[in-house]
Amino acid sequence: MKGKFPNLTDDEIIALLLNKEQQGIDILYDKYGNYLFGFITQIVKREDLAELVLQDTFLKVWNKIESFNIKKGVFITWLISIARNTSIDMIRSKDYKQTIRLLGLENIPTGKEPIAESIRIDFLDVQDTVARLNEKCSVILNLVYFKGYTCKEVSEKLEIPLGTVKSRIRKGFKDLRTMIEP
């Protein structure tokens, strides 16, 4: 599909979008669609959902192009920011979580699959490994990674600053690395 439209500069594409010319969005998609799709797929982990997020991203660009200020930023960075935020909105949505839960049912082990020899048996139970960490880090990692809390929710629940939550997550990961590295 590349090359279907003239190779315009970002400034020219922005001008078309500001004038609400359909060709602007077509050229934008031709120029950045594949890149943004790959970026979004890394976040949402499913191509079908990434396609929806990409559509939403381009719709937001179309509707919010007036808010882009060329003097304050680079156009591709602005596009990536919109794609990232739209992706995060998707993975935090109730529908996404329900879909992932249902898809997860298809992948439940039946007990007939061979266990890969490369897996270190002593670290199969990640929660037990996390439990061996400093209690302050362990509690936070359990809430964030096993119970689905956001950092902000953990901060509110434990009544500690958000920065402390993030610091303890980093420390927890650092300690985990030293525990599992041979």
C-alpha atoms as a PDB file:
ATOM      1  CA  MET A   1       0.000   0.000   0.000  1.00  0.00           C
ATOM      2  CA  LYS A   2       3.022   2.254   0.459  1.00  0.00           C
ATOM      3  CA  GLY A   3       3.422   4.824  -2.271  1.00  0.00           C
ATOM      4  CA  LYS A   4      -0.269   5.047  -3.158  1.00  0.00           C
ATOM      5  CA  PHE A   5      -0.252   8.742  -2.248  1.00  0.00           C
ATOM      6  CA  PRO A   6       2.306  11.475  -2.862  1.00  0.00           C
ATOM      7  CA  ASN A   7       5.139  11.634  -0.360  1.00  0.00           C
ATOM      8  CA  LEU A   8       4.270  14.831   1.486  1.00  0.00           C
ATOM      9  CA  THR A   9       6.050  16.392   4.423  1.00  0.00           C
ATOM     10  CA  ASP A  10       4.442  16.361   7.841  1.00  0.00           C
ATOM     11  CA  ASP A  11       3.718  20.086   7.506  1.00  0.00           C
ATOM     12  CA  GLU A  12       1.838  19.460   4.254  1.00  0.00           C
ATOM     13  CA  ILE A  13      -0.126  16.596   5.821  1.00  0.00           C
ATOM     14  CA  ILE A  14      -0.992  18.787   8.804  1.00  0.00           C
ATOM     15  CA  ALA A  15      -2.226  21.507   6.446  1.00  0.00           C
ATOM     16  CA  LEU A  16      -4.502  19.000   4.684  1.00  0.00           C
ATOM     17  CA  LEU A  17      -5.827  17.750   8.014  1.00  0.00           C
ATOM     18  CA  LEU A  18      -6.450  21.287   9.267  1.00  0.00           C
ATOM     19  CA  ASN A  19      -8.479  21.907   6.098  1.00  0.00           C
ATOM     20  CA  LYS A  20     -10.369  18.650   6.822  1.00  0.00           C
ATOM     21  CA  GLU A  21      -9.354  17.190   3.457  1.00  0.00           C
ATOM     22  CA  GLN A  22      -9.855  13.412   3.341  1.00  0.00           C
ATOM     23  CA  GLN A  23      -6.634  13.002   1.371  1.00  0.00           C
ATOM     24  CA  GLY A  24      -4.727  14.203   4.450  1.00  0.00           C
ATOM     25  CA  ILE A  25      -5.846  11.260   6.580  1.00  0.00           C
ATOM     26  CA  ASP A  26      -5.246   8.868   3.680  1.00  0.00           C
ATOM     27  CA  ILE A  27      -1.691  10.117   3.235  1.00  0.00           C
ATOM     28  CA  LEU A  28      -1.136  10.072   6.995  1.00  0.00           C
ATOM     29  CA  TYR A  29      -2.281   6.443   7.114  1.00  0.00           C
ATOM     30  CA  ASP A  30      -0.080   5.562   4.149  1.00  0.00           C
ATOM     31  CA  LYS A  31       2.950   7.207   5.751  1.00  0.00           C
ATOM     32  CA  TYR A  32       2.562   6.164   9.406  1.00  0.00           C
ATOM     33  CA  GLY A  33      -0.106   3.443   9.542  1.00  0.00           C
ATOM     34  CA  ASN A  34       2.236   0.439   9.588  1.00  0.00           C
ATOM     35  CA  TYR A  35       4.544   1.989  12.151  1.00  0.00           C
ATOM     36  CA  LEU A  36       1.695   2.943  14.498  1.00  0.00           C
ATOM     37  CA  PHE A  37       0.044  -0.446  14.038  1.00  0.00           C
ATOM     38  CA  GLY A  38       3.251  -2.186  15.147  1.00  0.00           C
ATOM     39  CA  PHE A  39       3.591   0.166  18.100  1.00  0.00           C
ATOM     40  CA  ILE A  40      -0.029  -0.388  19.177  1.00  0.00           C
ATOM     41  CA  THR A  41       0.235  -4.170  18.778  1.00  0.00           C
ATOM     42  CA  GLN A  42       3.120  -4.212  21.245  1.00  0.00           C
ATOM     43  CA  ILE A  43       0.815  -2.672  23.829  1.00  0.00           C
ATOM     44  CA  VAL A  44      -2.524  -4.427  23.242  1.00  0.00           C
ATOM     45  CA  LYS A  45      -0.947  -7.765  22.212  1.00  0.00           C
ATOM     46  CA  ARG A  46      -3.679  -8.641  19.699  1.00  0.00           C
ATOM     47  CA  GLU A  47      -3.814  -7.586  16.061  1.00  0.00           C
ATOM     48  CA  ASP A  48      -7.609  -7.396  15.871  1.00  0.00           C
ATOM     49  CA  LEU A  49      -7.694  -5.014  18.831  1.00  0.00           C
ATOM     50  CA  ALA A  50      -4.709  -3.109  17.459  1.00  0.00           C
ATOM     51  CA  GLU A  51      -6.707  -2.443  14.285  1.00  0.00           C
ATOM     52  CA  LEU A  52      -9.509  -0.913  16.368  1.00  0.00           C
ATOM     53  CA  VAL A  53      -7.046   1.196  18.355  1.00  0.00           C
ATOM     54  CA  LEU A  54      -5.387   2.354  15.128  1.00  0.00           C
ATOM     55  CA  GLN A  55      -8.768   3.467  13.770  1.00  0.00           C
ATOM     56  CA  ASP A  56      -9.494   5.307  17.012  1.00  0.00           C
ATOM     57  CA  THR A  57      -6.046   6.898  16.872  1.00  0.00           C
ATOM     58  CA  PHE A  58      -6.594   8.275  13.375  1.00  0.00           C
ATOM     59  CA  LEU A  59     -10.074   9.458  14.319  1.00  0.00           C
ATOM     60  CA  LYS A  60      -8.599  11.339  17.291  1.00  0.00           C
ATOM     61  CA  VAL A  61      -5.921  12.858  15.057  1.00  0.00           C
ATOM     62  CA  TRP A  62      -8.638  13.999  12.617  1.00  0.00           C
ATOM     63  CA  ASN A  63     -10.721  15.509  15.414  1.00  0.00           C
ATOM     64  CA  LYS A  64      -7.853  17.036  17.427  1.00  0.00           C
ATOM     65  CA  ILE A  65      -5.426  18.197  14.741  1.00  0.00           C
ATOM     66  CA  GLU A  66      -6.014  21.798  15.804  1.00  0.00           C
ATOM     67  CA  SER A  67      -4.423  21.001  19.174  1.00  0.00           C
ATOM     68  CA  PHE A  68      -1.084  20.063  17.584  1.00  0.00           C
ATOM     69  CA  ASN A  69       1.472  22.876  17.803  1.00  0.00           C
ATOM     70  CA  ILE A  70       4.415  22.409  15.467  1.00  0.00           C
ATOM     71  CA  LYS A  71       6.472  24.835  17.569  1.00  0.00           C
ATOM     72  CA  LYS A  72       6.079  22.677  20.669  1.00  0.00           C
ATOM     73  CA  GLY A  73       6.667  19.206  19.300  1.00  0.00           C
ATOM     74  CA  VAL A  74       7.386  16.753  16.530  1.00  0.00           C
ATOM     75  CA  PHE A  75       4.369  15.427  14.641  1.00  0.00           C
ATOM     76  CA  ILE A  76       5.314  11.730  14.884  1.00  0.00           C
ATOM     77  CA  THR A  77       5.813  12.105  18.642  1.00  0.00           C
ATOM     78  CA  TRP A  78       2.325  13.574  18.909  1.00  0.00           C
ATOM     79  CA  LEU A  79       0.931  10.665  16.857  1.00  0.00           C
ATOM     80  CA  ILE A  80       2.718   8.114  19.056  1.00  0.00           C
ATOM     81  CA  SER A  81       1.385   9.820  22.160  1.00  0.00           C
ATOM     82  CA  ILE A  82      -2.188   9.571  20.882  1.00  0.00           C
ATOM     83  CA  ALA A  83      -1.643   5.924  19.880  1.00  0.00           C
ATOM     84  CA  ARG A  84      -0.150   5.108  23.279  1.00  0.00           C
ATOM     85  CA  ASN A  85      -2.955   6.772  25.228  1.00  0.00           C
ATOM     86  CA  THR A  86      -5.615   5.139  23.065  1.00  0.00           C
ATOM     87  CA  SER A  87      -3.921   1.745  23.542  1.00  0.00           C
ATOM     88  CA  ILE A  88      -3.804   2.200  27.299  1.00  0.00           C
ATOM     89  CA  ASP A  89      -7.475   3.199  27.320  1.00  0.00           C
ATOM     90  CA  MET A  90      -8.211  -0.040  25.460  1.00  0.00           C
ATOM     91  CA  ILE A  91      -6.311  -2.334  27.819  1.00  0.00           C
ATOM     92  CA  ARG A  92      -7.862  -0.677  30.861  1.00  0.00           C
ATOM     93  CA  SER A  93     -11.381  -1.037  29.476  1.00  0.00           C
ATOM     94  CA  LYS A  94     -13.807  -3.520  30.964  1.00  0.00           C
ATOM     95  CA  ASP A  95     -14.458  -5.137  27.553  1.00  0.00           C
ATOM     96  CA  TYR A  96     -10.748  -5.752  26.975  1.00  0.00           C
ATOM     97  CA  LYS A  97     -10.291  -7.388  30.377  1.00  0.00           C
ATOM     98  CA  GLN A  98     -13.332  -9.614  29.788  1.00  0.00           C
ATOM     99  CA  THR A  99     -12.085 -10.617  26.327  1.00  0.00           C
ATOM    100  CA  ILE A 100      -8.641 -11.479  27.676  1.00  0.00           C
ATOM    101  CA  ARG A 101     -10.168 -13.562  30.483  1.00  0.00           C
ATOM    102  CA  LEU A 102     -12.266 -15.513  27.982  1.00  0.00           C
ATOM    103  CA  LEU A 103      -9.300 -16.013  25.667  1.00  0.00           C
ATOM    104  CA  GLY A 104      -7.257 -17.175  28.641  1.00  0.00           C
ATOM    105  CA  LEU A 105      -9.682 -20.059  29.121  1.00  0.00           C
ATOM    106  CA  GLU A 106      -8.582 -21.481  25.766  1.00  0.00           C
ATOM    107  CA  ASN A 107      -4.993 -21.658  26.980  1.00  0.00           C
ATOM    108  CA  ILE A 108      -5.497 -23.455  30.292  1.00  0.00           C
ATOM    109  CA  PRO A 109      -3.013 -26.326  30.479  1.00  0.00           C
ATOM    110  CA  THR A 110      -4.581 -29.762  30.324  1.00  0.00           C
ATOM    111  CA  GLY A 111      -1.652 -31.478  31.978  1.00  0.00           C
ATOM    112  CA  LYS A 112      -0.755 -33.267  28.745  1.00  0.00           C
ATOM    113  CA  GLU A 113       1.692 -30.638  27.507  1.00  0.00           C
ATOM    114  CA  PRO A 114       5.374 -31.375  28.128  1.00  0.00           C
ATOM    115  CA  ILE A 115       7.171 -28.958  30.418  1.00  0.00           C
ATOM    116  CA  ALA A 116      10.058 -27.208  28.729  1.00  0.00           C
ATOM    117  CA  GLU A 117      13.359 -28.401  30.167  1.00  0.00           C
ATOM    118  CA  SER A 118      14.742 -24.881  30.066  1.00  0.00           C
ATOM    119  CA  ILE A 119      12.315 -23.706  32.747  1.00  0.00           C
ATOM    120  CA  ARG A 120      13.975 -23.616  36.135  1.00  0.00           C
ATOM    121  CA  ILE A 121      11.638 -25.623  38.332  1.00  0.00           C
ATOM    122  CA  ASP A 122      12.537 -23.661  41.475  1.00  0.00           C
ATOM    123  CA  PHE A 123      11.117 -20.492  39.912  1.00  0.00           C
ATOM    124  CA  LEU A 124       7.902 -21.815  38.404  1.00  0.00           C
ATOM    125  CA  ASP A 125       5.799 -20.268  41.127  1.00  0.00           C
ATOM    126  CA  VAL A 126       6.439 -16.580  40.640  1.00  0.00           C
ATOM    127  CA  GLN A 127       4.221 -15.554  43.532  1.00  0.00           C
ATOM    128  CA  ASP A 128       6.328 -17.610  45.946  1.00  0.00           C
ATOM    129  CA  THR A 129       9.440 -15.926  44.597  1.00  0.00           C
ATOM    130  CA  VAL A 130       7.889 -12.473  44.995  1.00  0.00           C
ATOM    131  CA  ALA A 131       6.878 -13.422  48.550  1.00  0.00           C
ATOM    132  CA  ARG A 132      10.579 -13.912  49.401  1.00  0.00           C
ATOM    133  CA  LEU A 133      11.267 -10.237  48.666  1.00  0.00           C
ATOM    134  CA  ASN A 134      11.369  -7.455  51.222  1.00  0.00           C
ATOM    135  CA  GLU A 135       7.775  -7.203  52.517  1.00  0.00           C
ATOM    136  CA  LYS A 136       7.333  -3.591  51.373  1.00  0.00           C
ATOM    137  CA  CYS A 137       8.209  -4.542  47.776  1.00  0.00           C
ATOM    138  CA  SER A 138       6.388  -7.863  47.885  1.00  0.00           C
ATOM    139  CA  VAL A 139       3.053  -6.338  48.914  1.00  0.00           C
ATOM    140  CA  ILE A 140       3.185  -3.763  46.131  1.00  0.00           C
ATOM    141  CA  LEU A 141       4.245  -6.243  43.419  1.00  0.00           C
ATOM    142  CA  ASN A 142       1.414  -8.571  44.456  1.00  0.00           C
ATOM    143  CA  LEU A 143      -1.151  -5.791  44.213  1.00  0.00           C
ATOM    144  CA  VAL A 144       0.102  -4.473  40.871  1.00  0.00           C
ATOM    145  CA  TYR A 145       1.010  -7.649  39.005  1.00  0.00           C
ATOM    146  CA  PHE A 146      -1.217 -10.325  40.485  1.00  0.00           C
ATOM    147  CA  LYS A 147      -4.303  -8.345  41.465  1.00  0.00           C
ATOM    148  CA  GLY A 148      -4.326  -5.760  38.665  1.00  0.00           C
ATOM    149  CA  TYR A 149      -4.105  -2.574  40.706  1.00  0.00           C
ATOM    150  CA  THR A 150      -2.660   0.551  39.117  1.00  0.00           C
ATOM    151  CA  CYS A 151       0.211   2.322  40.875  1.00  0.00           C
ATOM    152  CA  LYS A 152      -2.173   5.118  41.819  1.00  0.00           C
ATOM    153  CA  GLU A 153      -4.644   2.630  43.349  1.00  0.00           C
ATOM    154  CA  VAL A 154      -1.834   1.018  45.351  1.00  0.00           C
ATOM    155  CA  SER A 155      -0.752   4.457  46.557  1.00  0.00           C
ATOM    156  CA  GLU A 156      -4.273   5.201  47.766  1.00  0.00           C
ATOM    157  CA  LYS A 157      -4.839   1.746  49.272  1.00  0.00           C
ATOM    158  CA  LEU A 158      -1.566   1.696  51.220  1.00  0.00           C
ATOM    159  CA  GLU A 159      -1.658   5.450  51.880  1.00  0.00           C
ATOM    160  CA  ILE A 160       1.875   6.012  50.618  1.00  0.00           C
ATOM    161  CA  PRO A 161       3.155   8.440  47.948  1.00  0.00           C
ATOM    162  CA  LEU A 162       2.959   7.375  44.311  1.00  0.00           C
ATOM    163  CA  GLY A 163       6.715   7.888  43.922  1.00  0.00           C
ATOM    164  CA  THR A 164       7.325   5.438  46.780  1.00  0.00           C
ATOM    165  CA  VAL A 165       5.149   2.838  45.046  1.00  0.00           C
ATOM    166  CA  LYS A 166       7.134   3.181  41.827  1.00  0.00           C
ATOM    167  CA  SER A 167      10.478   3.086  43.674  1.00  0.00           C
ATOM    168  CA  ARG A 168       9.504  -0.103  45.488  1.00  0.00           C
ATOM    169  CA  ILE A 169       8.434  -1.717  42.216  1.00  0.00           C
ATOM    170  CA  ARG A 170      11.846  -0.900  40.698  1.00  0.00           C
ATOM    171  CA  LYS A 171      13.640  -2.213  43.779  1.00  0.00           C
ATOM    172  CA  GLY A 172      11.481  -5.343  43.749  1.00  0.00           C
ATOM    173  CA  PHE A 173      12.379  -6.067  40.124  1.00  0.00           C
ATOM    174  CA  LYS A 174      16.047  -5.454  40.815  1.00  0.00           C
ATOM    175  CA  ASP A 175      15.941  -7.884  43.745  1.00  0.00           C
ATOM    176  CA  LEU A 176      14.008 -10.440  41.685  1.00  0.00           C
ATOM    177  CA  ARG A 177      16.668 -10.317  38.980  1.00  0.00           C
ATOM    178  CA  THR A 178      19.404 -11.069  41.493  1.00  0.00           C
ATOM    179  CA  MET A 179      17.334 -13.923  42.948  1.00  0.00           C
ATOM    180  CA  ILE A 180      16.701 -15.689  39.630  1.00  0.00           C
ATOM    181  CA  GLU A 181      19.923 -15.029  37.759  1.00  0.00           C
ATOM    182  CA  PRO A 182      22.186 -18.092  37.814  1.00  0.00           C
END
